Amino acid sequence: MYKLTTDLAKNRILVTFVGAFDYDARDLAKEIQDASQRIRLNCGHFDMLSDWTQASTMPQEHAKAGEDVVAWCVANGLRKSANVMDAILLQMQVKRVSNEDDKIGFFATQTEAEAWLSA
């Protein structure tokens, strides 16, 4: 399950993942694309803050969809994407999906992630 919200004042998409990846990854991709288009109207770019601290390990079918979402975001105005996570296996999965792009950071706390996004 996930929850997606936006913070227009910060040009930011916030995604919180909880439990199993029991959703259609295409639905999440569509929500991210729609949200980023609304946010980019302010300044032409957007940031993402994803909280993975309550998520399970990512199934392989979601990893491919994740790669596509990351590639789309990078090509369509992503300035930075901060990922808050404490599970090493999940961090390795997300790093692989993101092709270790320097726009994408990994943090132990939301405070650290927020500071990096604001810099």
Protein backbone atom coordinates (compact mmCIF):
# COMPACT_ATOMS: atom_id res chain seq x y z
CA MET A 1 0.00 0.00 0.00
CA TYR A 2 1.12 3.58 -0.54
CA LYS A 3 -0.09 7.10 0.10
CA LEU A 4 0.84 9.94 -2.27
CA THR A 5 0.44 13.61 -1.37
CA THR A 6 1.89 16.83 -2.71
CA ASP A 7 3.39 19.89 -1.08
CA LEU A 8 3.00 22.68 -3.63
CA ALA A 9 4.88 25.18 -1.46
CA LYS A 10 7.98 22.98 -1.60
CA ASN A 11 7.39 21.63 -5.15
CA ARG A 12 7.45 18.16 -3.62
CA ILE A 13 5.73 14.81 -4.04
CA LEU A 14 5.56 12.76 -0.84
CA VAL A 15 5.09 8.99 -1.06
CA THR A 16 4.78 6.72 1.96
CA PHE A 17 4.99 2.97 1.41
CA VAL A 18 3.44 0.70 4.05
CA GLY A 19 3.51 -3.09 4.18
CA ALA A 20 3.28 -5.20 1.06
CA PHE A 21 3.56 -3.93 -2.50
CA ASP A 22 -0.04 -5.02 -3.18
CA TYR A 23 -0.94 -2.29 -5.67
CA ASP A 24 -0.63 -1.90 -9.42
CA ALA A 25 2.70 -0.14 -10.04
CA ARG A 26 1.21 1.50 -13.14
CA ASP A 27 -1.32 3.29 -10.91
CA LEU A 28 1.48 4.72 -8.78
CA ALA A 29 3.42 5.76 -11.90
CA LYS A 30 0.34 7.58 -13.24
CA GLU A 31 -0.23 9.35 -9.90
CA ILE A 32 3.41 10.48 -9.79
CA GLN A 33 3.23 11.76 -13.36
CA ASP A 34 -0.01 13.66 -12.69
CA ALA A 35 1.32 15.13 -9.44
CA SER A 36 4.62 16.19 -11.00
CA GLN A 37 2.81 17.97 -13.82
CA ARG A 38 0.82 20.02 -11.29
CA ILE A 39 3.92 20.83 -9.25
CA ARG A 40 6.11 21.75 -12.23
CA LEU A 41 3.70 24.53 -13.15
CA ASN A 42 5.21 26.54 -10.27
CA CYS A 43 8.89 26.35 -11.24
CA GLY A 44 9.56 23.71 -13.89
CA HIS A 45 10.95 21.05 -11.55
CA PHE A 46 9.91 18.90 -8.61
CA ASP A 47 11.38 16.91 -5.73
CA MET A 48 10.25 13.63 -4.23
CA LEU A 49 10.40 12.38 -0.67
CA SER A 50 9.67 8.67 -0.28
CA ASP A 51 9.34 7.01 3.09
CA TRP A 52 10.09 3.27 2.86
CA THR A 53 10.55 2.63 6.60
CA GLN A 54 7.30 0.64 6.88
CA ALA A 55 7.58 -1.20 3.55
CA SER A 56 8.30 -4.84 2.81
CA THR A 57 10.89 -6.05 0.32
CA MET A 58 10.00 -5.04 -3.24
CA PRO A 59 8.78 -7.82 -5.56
CA GLN A 60 10.68 -8.07 -8.86
CA GLU A 61 7.68 -6.98 -10.96
CA HIS A 62 7.60 -3.68 -9.07
CA ALA A 63 11.34 -3.16 -9.59
CA LYS A 64 10.96 -2.86 -13.39
CA ALA A 65 8.04 -0.45 -13.01
CA GLY A 66 10.16 1.50 -10.51
CA GLU A 67 12.97 1.83 -13.05
CA ASP A 68 10.51 3.24 -15.56
CA VAL A 69 9.13 5.75 -13.02
CA VAL A 70 12.62 6.91 -12.04
CA ALA A 71 13.64 7.32 -15.68
CA TRP A 72 10.46 9.27 -16.44
CA CYS A 73 10.99 11.53 -13.41
CA VAL A 74 14.62 12.25 -14.28
CA ALA A 75 13.62 13.11 -17.86
CA ASN A 76 10.70 15.28 -16.73
CA GLY A 77 11.98 17.75 -14.16
CA LEU A 78 13.10 15.76 -11.13
CA ARG A 79 15.57 17.88 -9.17
CA LYS A 80 16.14 15.52 -6.22
CA SER A 81 14.56 12.39 -4.79
CA ALA A 82 15.17 11.54 -1.12
CA ASN A 83 14.44 8.05 0.14
CA VAL A 84 14.08 7.36 3.85
CA MET A 85 14.74 3.73 4.65
CA ASP A 86 16.27 1.53 7.26
CA ALA A 87 16.20 -1.91 5.57
CA ILE A 88 19.48 -2.61 3.77
CA LEU A 89 17.93 -5.06 1.28
CA LEU A 90 15.26 -2.56 0.27
CA GLN A 91 17.88 0.17 -0.02
CA MET A 92 19.91 -2.04 -2.37
CA GLN A 93 16.79 -2.65 -4.48
CA VAL A 94 15.93 1.03 -4.74
CA LYS A 95 19.55 1.97 -5.53
CA ARG A 96 19.56 -0.56 -8.36
CA VAL A 97 16.21 0.74 -9.68
CA SER A 98 17.53 4.32 -9.63
CA ASN A 99 20.70 3.42 -11.55
CA GLU A 100 22.59 5.15 -8.72
CA ASP A 101 21.76 8.59 -10.14
CA ASP A 102 23.25 11.41 -8.01
CA LYS A 103 19.84 13.13 -7.92
CA ILE A 104 18.66 10.29 -5.70
CA GLY A 105 19.70 10.18 -2.05
CA PHE A 106 19.22 7.68 0.77
CA PHE A 107 18.72 8.68 4.39
CA ALA A 108 18.06 7.08 7.77
CA THR A 109 15.66 9.82 8.92
CA GLN A 110 13.12 12.14 7.41
CA THR A 111 14.95 15.10 8.99
CA GLU A 112 18.13 14.25 7.05
CA ALA A 113 16.13 13.78 3.85
CA GLU A 114 14.33 17.11 4.26
CA ALA A 115 17.63 18.93 4.88
CA TRP A 116 19.16 17.44 1.70
CA LEU A 117 16.12 18.35 -0.39
CA SER A 118 16.15 21.89 0.94
CA ALA A 119 19.86 22.44 0.18
